[in-house]
């Protein structure tokens, strides 16, 4: 095991309830993060790559994600504006919120069809 993989940071990143909470934490702690980065650079612990590289270094198999198909729909600008407002109240991006609404509607319709079939 190399020195770089043994190193533990003093910076503790908490679990976040929302994206807004996470963004606030990163903004408020940017100085600490920068200091950790500088320390890692001086110690030669910086590397390139992402999750795939980290898994490979630890010998963990990495399952490639299947690409999500993209679709385009036309929505009324007022509906988009309302989705943005509602999403913000939940700490979500509006696209994520719209996807969540569609998923819930599909689940409800599926459950209704199953119930009607009985």
N, C-alpha and C. Protein backbone atom coordinates (compact mmCIF):
# COMPACT_ATOMS: atom_id res chain seq x y z
N UNK A 1 0.85 -1.17 0.00
CA UNK A 1 0.00 0.00 0.00
C UNK A 1 0.89 1.23 0.00
N UNK A 2 0.56 2.21 -0.83
CA UNK A 2 1.40 3.40 -0.93
C UNK A 2 1.02 4.42 0.13
N UNK A 3 1.91 5.36 0.35
CA UNK A 3 1.68 6.43 1.33
C UNK A 3 0.41 7.21 1.00
N UNK A 4 0.16 7.45 -0.29
CA UNK A 4 -1.00 8.25 -0.69
C UNK A 4 -2.31 7.57 -0.31
N UNK A 5 -2.38 6.25 -0.39
CA UNK A 5 -3.63 5.58 -0.07
C UNK A 5 -3.85 5.42 1.43
N UNK A 6 -2.81 5.65 2.24
CA UNK A 6 -2.94 5.56 3.69
C UNK A 6 -3.41 6.90 4.28
N UNK A 7 -3.10 7.99 3.62
CA UNK A 7 -3.37 9.33 4.12
C UNK A 7 -4.84 9.53 4.44
N UNK A 8 -5.11 10.13 5.57
CA UNK A 8 -6.47 10.50 5.96
C UNK A 8 -6.51 12.00 6.14
N UNK A 9 -7.52 12.63 5.62
CA UNK A 9 -7.68 14.08 5.73
C UNK A 9 -8.33 14.44 7.06
N UNK A 10 -7.99 15.61 7.57
CA UNK A 10 -8.64 16.15 8.76
C UNK A 10 -9.98 16.77 8.42
N UNK A 11 -10.22 17.04 7.14
CA UNK A 11 -11.46 17.66 6.69
C UNK A 11 -12.57 16.62 6.67
N UNK A 12 -13.60 16.84 7.47
CA UNK A 12 -14.72 15.91 7.54
C UNK A 12 -15.89 16.47 6.74
N UNK A 13 -16.32 15.73 5.74
CA UNK A 13 -17.44 16.15 4.90
C UNK A 13 -18.71 15.48 5.42
N UNK A 14 -19.68 16.27 5.87
CA UNK A 14 -20.90 15.69 6.44
C UNK A 14 -21.84 15.14 5.36
N UNK A 15 -22.86 14.43 5.79
CA UNK A 15 -23.95 14.00 4.89
C UNK A 15 -24.87 15.19 4.71
N UNK A 16 -25.39 15.38 3.52
CA UNK A 16 -26.24 16.53 3.23
C UNK A 16 -27.65 16.08 2.91
N UNK A 17 -28.63 16.86 3.40
CA UNK A 17 -30.04 16.56 3.14
C UNK A 17 -30.47 17.07 1.77
N UNK A 18 -29.87 18.17 1.31
CA UNK A 18 -30.25 18.77 0.03
C UNK A 18 -29.01 19.25 -0.71
N UNK A 19 -29.18 19.50 -2.00
CA UNK A 19 -28.08 20.06 -2.79
C UNK A 19 -27.73 21.46 -2.29
N UNK A 20 -28.76 22.21 -1.87
CA UNK A 20 -28.52 23.56 -1.37
C UNK A 20 -27.66 23.53 -0.12
N UNK A 21 -27.95 22.60 0.77
CA UNK A 21 -27.16 22.45 2.00
C UNK A 21 -25.71 22.09 1.66
N UNK A 22 -25.54 21.19 0.68
CA UNK A 22 -24.19 20.80 0.28
C UNK A 22 -23.44 21.97 -0.34
N UNK A 23 -24.11 22.71 -1.23
CA UNK A 23 -23.48 23.87 -1.87
C UNK A 23 -23.04 24.89 -0.82
N UNK A 24 -23.90 25.12 0.17
CA UNK A 24 -23.56 26.08 1.24
C UNK A 24 -22.32 25.61 2.00
N UNK A 25 -22.26 24.30 2.32
CA UNK A 25 -21.11 23.78 3.07
C UNK A 25 -19.82 23.97 2.27
N UNK A 26 -19.84 23.61 0.97
CA UNK A 26 -18.64 23.74 0.15
C UNK A 26 -18.22 25.20 0.04
N UNK A 27 -19.19 26.10 -0.09
CA UNK A 27 -18.89 27.53 -0.18
C UNK A 27 -18.25 28.02 1.12
N UNK A 28 -18.82 27.64 2.25
CA UNK A 28 -18.33 28.10 3.54
C UNK A 28 -16.98 27.48 3.91
N UNK A 29 -16.65 26.33 3.33
CA UNK A 29 -15.41 25.63 3.67
C UNK A 29 -14.39 25.64 2.54
N UNK A 30 -14.56 26.54 1.58
CA UNK A 30 -13.65 26.52 0.42
C UNK A 30 -12.20 26.76 0.83
N UNK A 31 -11.97 27.55 1.87
CA UNK A 31 -10.60 27.78 2.33
C UNK A 31 -9.96 26.51 2.88
N UNK A 32 -10.72 25.74 3.65
CA UNK A 32 -10.21 24.49 4.21
C UNK A 32 -9.92 23.49 3.09
N UNK A 33 -10.82 23.43 2.11
CA UNK A 33 -10.63 22.51 0.98
C UNK A 33 -9.38 22.90 0.21
N UNK A 34 -9.18 24.20 -0.01
CA UNK A 34 -8.01 24.67 -0.72
C UNK A 34 -6.73 24.32 0.03
N UNK A 35 -6.74 24.47 1.35
CA UNK A 35 -5.57 24.12 2.15
C UNK A 35 -5.26 22.63 2.05
N UNK A 36 -6.30 21.78 2.08
CA UNK A 36 -6.10 20.34 1.91
C UNK A 36 -5.50 20.04 0.53
N UNK A 37 -5.99 20.74 -0.49
CA UNK A 37 -5.49 20.55 -1.84
C UNK A 37 -4.01 20.94 -1.93
N UNK A 38 -3.67 22.10 -1.36
CA UNK A 38 -2.27 22.54 -1.37
C UNK A 38 -1.38 21.53 -0.64
N UNK A 39 -1.85 21.05 0.49
CA UNK A 39 -1.07 20.07 1.27
C UNK A 39 -0.85 18.79 0.45
N UNK A 40 -1.91 18.33 -0.21
CA UNK A 40 -1.80 17.13 -1.02
C UNK A 40 -0.84 17.34 -2.19
N UNK A 41 -0.87 18.53 -2.79
CA UNK A 41 0.04 18.84 -3.90
C UNK A 41 1.49 18.83 -3.43
N UNK A 42 1.74 19.44 -2.27
CA UNK A 42 3.11 19.48 -1.74
C UNK A 42 3.61 18.09 -1.38
N UNK A 43 2.72 17.20 -0.97
CA UNK A 43 3.11 15.84 -0.59
C UNK A 43 3.09 14.88 -1.78
N UNK A 44 2.72 15.38 -2.96
CA UNK A 44 2.68 14.54 -4.16
C UNK A 44 1.54 13.53 -4.16
N UNK A 45 0.45 13.87 -3.52
CA UNK A 45 -0.68 12.93 -3.42
C UNK A 45 -1.80 13.21 -4.42
N UNK A 46 -1.61 14.17 -5.32
CA UNK A 46 -2.65 14.47 -6.28
C UNK A 46 -2.59 13.48 -7.44
N UNK A 47 -3.73 13.11 -7.94
CA UNK A 47 -3.79 12.20 -9.08
C UNK A 47 -4.82 12.69 -10.07
N UNK A 48 -4.87 12.04 -11.19
CA UNK A 48 -5.85 12.38 -12.23
C UNK A 48 -6.82 11.24 -12.37
N UNK A 49 -8.02 11.56 -12.74
CA UNK A 49 -9.01 10.52 -12.97
C UNK A 49 -10.18 10.68 -12.03
N UNK A 50 -11.08 9.74 -12.11
CA UNK A 50 -12.28 9.81 -11.29
C UNK A 50 -12.54 8.50 -10.59
N UNK A 51 -13.81 8.18 -10.50
CA UNK A 51 -14.24 6.99 -9.77
C UNK A 51 -13.64 5.72 -10.38
N UNK A 52 -13.60 5.67 -11.70
CA UNK A 52 -13.06 4.49 -12.38
C UNK A 52 -11.61 4.21 -11.94
N UNK A 53 -10.79 5.27 -11.88
CA UNK A 53 -9.40 5.12 -11.46
C UNK A 53 -9.30 4.71 -10.00
N UNK A 54 -10.10 5.32 -9.14
CA UNK A 54 -10.07 4.99 -7.72
C UNK A 54 -10.44 3.53 -7.49
N UNK A 55 -11.47 3.06 -8.19
CA UNK A 55 -11.86 1.65 -8.07
C UNK A 55 -10.73 0.74 -8.53
N UNK A 56 -10.11 1.09 -9.66
CA UNK A 56 -9.02 0.27 -10.20
C UNK A 56 -7.86 0.20 -9.21
N UNK A 57 -7.52 1.33 -8.58
CA UNK A 57 -6.42 1.33 -7.60
C UNK A 57 -6.71 0.42 -6.42
N UNK A 58 -7.98 0.30 -6.05
CA UNK A 58 -8.35 -0.52 -4.90
C UNK A 58 -8.74 -1.94 -5.30
N UNK A 59 -8.68 -2.24 -6.63
CA UNK A 59 -9.01 -3.57 -7.10
C UNK A 59 -10.49 -3.90 -7.04
N UNK A 60 -11.33 -2.87 -7.07
CA UNK A 60 -12.78 -3.07 -7.02
C UNK A 60 -13.31 -3.03 -8.44
N UNK A 61 -14.11 -4.03 -8.83
CA UNK A 61 -14.69 -4.00 -10.19
C UNK A 61 -15.60 -2.78 -10.35
N UNK A 62 -15.51 -2.14 -11.50
CA UNK A 62 -16.33 -0.97 -11.78
C UNK A 62 -17.32 -1.31 -12.87
N UNK A 63 -18.61 -1.23 -12.54
CA UNK A 63 -19.65 -1.50 -13.53
C UNK A 63 -19.94 -0.20 -14.27
N UNK A 64 -19.73 -0.22 -15.57
CA UNK A 64 -19.99 0.97 -16.38
C UNK A 64 -21.48 1.30 -16.33
N UNK A 65 -21.82 2.55 -16.09
CA UNK A 65 -23.24 2.92 -16.07
C UNK A 65 -23.84 2.84 -17.47
N UNK A 66 -25.09 2.42 -17.53
CA UNK A 66 -25.77 2.39 -18.82
C UNK A 66 -26.25 3.80 -19.12
N UNK A 67 -26.05 4.26 -20.34
CA UNK A 67 -26.46 5.62 -20.67
C UNK A 67 -27.98 5.78 -20.57
N UNK A 68 -28.39 6.92 -20.04
CA UNK A 68 -29.82 7.23 -19.93
C UNK A 68 -30.25 7.91 -21.21
N UNK A 69 -31.31 7.38 -21.84
CA UNK A 69 -31.78 8.02 -23.07
C UNK A 69 -32.27 9.45 -22.78
N UNK A 70 -32.04 10.33 -23.71
CA UNK A 70 -32.47 11.72 -23.57
C UNK A 70 -33.72 11.93 -24.40
N UNK A 71 -34.67 12.68 -23.84
CA UNK A 71 -35.88 13.01 -24.58
C UNK A 71 -36.12 14.50 -24.45
N UNK A 72 -36.78 15.06 -25.43
CA UNK A 72 -37.09 16.48 -25.41
C UNK A 72 -38.60 16.65 -25.42
N UNK A 73 -39.10 17.47 -24.50
CA UNK A 73 -40.53 17.78 -24.50
C UNK A 73 -40.68 19.29 -24.44
N UNK A 74 -41.77 19.78 -25.02
CA UNK A 74 -42.04 21.22 -24.99
C UNK A 74 -42.99 21.49 -23.83
N UNK A 75 -42.61 22.42 -22.97
CA UNK A 75 -43.43 22.79 -21.83
C UNK A 75 -43.72 24.28 -21.87
N UNK A 76 -44.86 24.63 -21.35
CA UNK A 76 -45.24 26.03 -21.24
C UNK A 76 -44.24 26.74 -20.32
N UNK A 77 -43.78 27.91 -20.69
CA UNK A 77 -42.82 28.63 -19.83
C UNK A 77 -43.33 28.86 -18.41
N UNK A 78 -44.65 29.07 -18.26
CA UNK A 78 -45.20 29.25 -16.91
C UNK A 78 -45.07 27.96 -16.09
N UNK A 79 -45.25 26.81 -16.74
CA UNK A 79 -45.09 25.53 -16.04
C UNK A 79 -43.63 25.34 -15.61
N UNK A 80 -42.71 25.71 -16.45
CA UNK A 80 -41.29 25.60 -16.11
C UNK A 80 -40.96 26.53 -14.94
N UNK A 81 -41.49 27.73 -14.98
CA UNK A 81 -41.25 28.69 -13.90
C UNK A 81 -41.79 28.13 -12.57
N UNK A 82 -42.99 27.55 -12.61
CA UNK A 82 -43.57 26.97 -11.38
C UNK A 82 -42.76 25.77 -10.91
N UNK A 83 -42.28 24.97 -11.85
CA UNK A 83 -41.44 23.82 -11.48
C UNK A 83 -40.16 24.30 -10.81
N UNK A 84 -39.58 25.38 -11.30
CA UNK A 84 -38.37 25.94 -10.70
C UNK A 84 -38.62 26.36 -9.25
N UNK A 85 -39.77 27.01 -9.02
CA UNK A 85 -40.11 27.48 -7.68
C UNK A 85 -40.29 26.29 -6.74
N UNK A 86 -41.08 25.30 -7.17
CA UNK A 86 -41.34 24.14 -6.33
C UNK A 86 -40.06 23.33 -6.09
N UNK A 87 -39.24 23.19 -7.11
CA UNK A 87 -37.99 22.45 -6.96
C UNK A 87 -37.06 23.14 -5.97
N UNK A 88 -36.97 24.45 -6.06
CA UNK A 88 -36.10 25.21 -5.15
C UNK A 88 -36.52 25.02 -3.70
N UNK A 89 -37.82 24.94 -3.46
CA UNK A 89 -38.32 24.72 -2.09
C UNK A 89 -37.88 23.38 -1.54
N UNK A 90 -37.61 22.43 -2.45
CA UNK A 90 -37.18 21.09 -2.04
C UNK A 90 -35.67 20.90 -2.16
N UNK A 91 -34.97 21.94 -2.57
CA UNK A 91 -33.52 21.85 -2.71
C UNK A 91 -33.10 21.02 -3.91
N UNK A 92 -33.93 21.02 -4.96
CA UNK A 92 -33.65 20.23 -6.16
C UNK A 92 -33.48 21.13 -7.38
N UNK A 93 -32.84 20.59 -8.40
CA UNK A 93 -32.83 21.27 -9.70
C UNK A 93 -34.18 20.99 -10.34
N UNK A 94 -34.66 21.92 -11.17
CA UNK A 94 -36.01 21.75 -11.71
C UNK A 94 -36.12 20.53 -12.64
N UNK A 95 -35.04 20.20 -13.36
CA UNK A 95 -35.12 19.02 -14.23
C UNK A 95 -35.29 17.75 -13.39
N UNK A 96 -34.59 17.69 -12.28
CA UNK A 96 -34.70 16.54 -11.38
C UNK A 96 -36.12 16.47 -10.83
N UNK A 97 -36.66 17.62 -10.45
CA UNK A 97 -38.01 17.68 -9.91
C UNK A 97 -39.03 17.22 -10.95
N UNK A 98 -38.90 17.68 -12.20
CA UNK A 98 -39.83 17.25 -13.26
C UNK A 98 -39.73 15.75 -13.49
N UNK A 99 -38.52 15.22 -13.48
CA UNK A 99 -38.34 13.78 -13.66
C UNK A 99 -39.01 13.02 -12.52
N UNK A 100 -38.89 13.54 -11.31
CA UNK A 100 -39.52 12.92 -10.15
C UNK A 100 -41.04 12.91 -10.29
N UNK A 101 -41.61 14.03 -10.74
CA UNK A 101 -43.06 14.13 -10.92
C UNK A 101 -43.53 13.12 -11.97
N UNK A 102 -42.82 13.03 -13.07
CA UNK A 102 -43.20 12.07 -14.13
C UNK A 102 -43.13 10.65 -13.59
N UNK A 103 -42.07 10.33 -12.86
CA UNK A 103 -41.91 8.98 -12.30
C UNK A 103 -43.07 8.65 -11.36
N UNK A 104 -43.44 9.59 -10.49
CA UNK A 104 -44.55 9.38 -9.56
C UNK A 104 -45.86 9.17 -10.32
N UNK A 105 -46.10 9.96 -11.37
CA UNK A 105 -47.33 9.82 -12.16
C UNK A 105 -47.38 8.46 -12.85
N UNK A 106 -46.25 8.01 -13.38
CA UNK A 106 -46.21 6.69 -14.03
C UNK A 106 -46.47 5.58 -13.03
N UNK A 107 -45.89 5.68 -11.83
CA UNK A 107 -46.13 4.69 -10.79
C UNK A 107 -47.59 4.65 -10.38
N UNK A 108 -48.22 5.83 -10.24
CA UNK A 108 -49.63 5.91 -9.87
C UNK A 108 -50.51 5.27 -10.94
N UNK A 109 -50.23 5.57 -12.19
CA UNK A 109 -51.01 4.99 -13.30
C UNK A 109 -50.84 3.48 -13.36
N UNK A 110 -49.62 3.01 -13.12
CA UNK A 110 -49.34 1.56 -13.14
C UNK A 110 -50.12 0.87 -12.02
N UNK A 111 -50.11 1.47 -10.82
CA UNK A 111 -50.82 0.89 -9.69
C UNK A 111 -52.33 0.87 -9.96
N UNK A 112 -52.85 1.90 -10.60
CA UNK A 112 -54.28 1.96 -10.92
C UNK A 112 -54.64 0.87 -11.92
N UNK A 113 -53.78 0.64 -12.92
CA UNK A 113 -54.04 -0.43 -13.90
C UNK A 113 -54.04 -1.79 -13.23
N UNK A 114 -53.08 -2.03 -12.31
CA UNK A 114 -53.03 -3.31 -11.59
C UNK A 114 -54.28 -3.52 -10.76
N UNK A 115 -54.71 -2.44 -10.09
CA UNK A 115 -55.90 -2.53 -9.25
C UNK A 115 -57.15 -2.82 -10.09
N UNK A 116 -57.23 -2.18 -11.26
CA UNK A 116 -58.38 -2.38 -12.15
C UNK A 116 -58.39 -3.79 -12.72
N UNK A 117 -57.22 -4.39 -12.87
CA UNK A 117 -57.12 -5.74 -13.44
C UNK A 117 -57.57 -6.81 -12.46
N UNK A 118 -57.58 -6.50 -11.17
CA UNK A 118 -57.97 -7.50 -10.16
C UNK A 118 -59.43 -7.73 -10.09
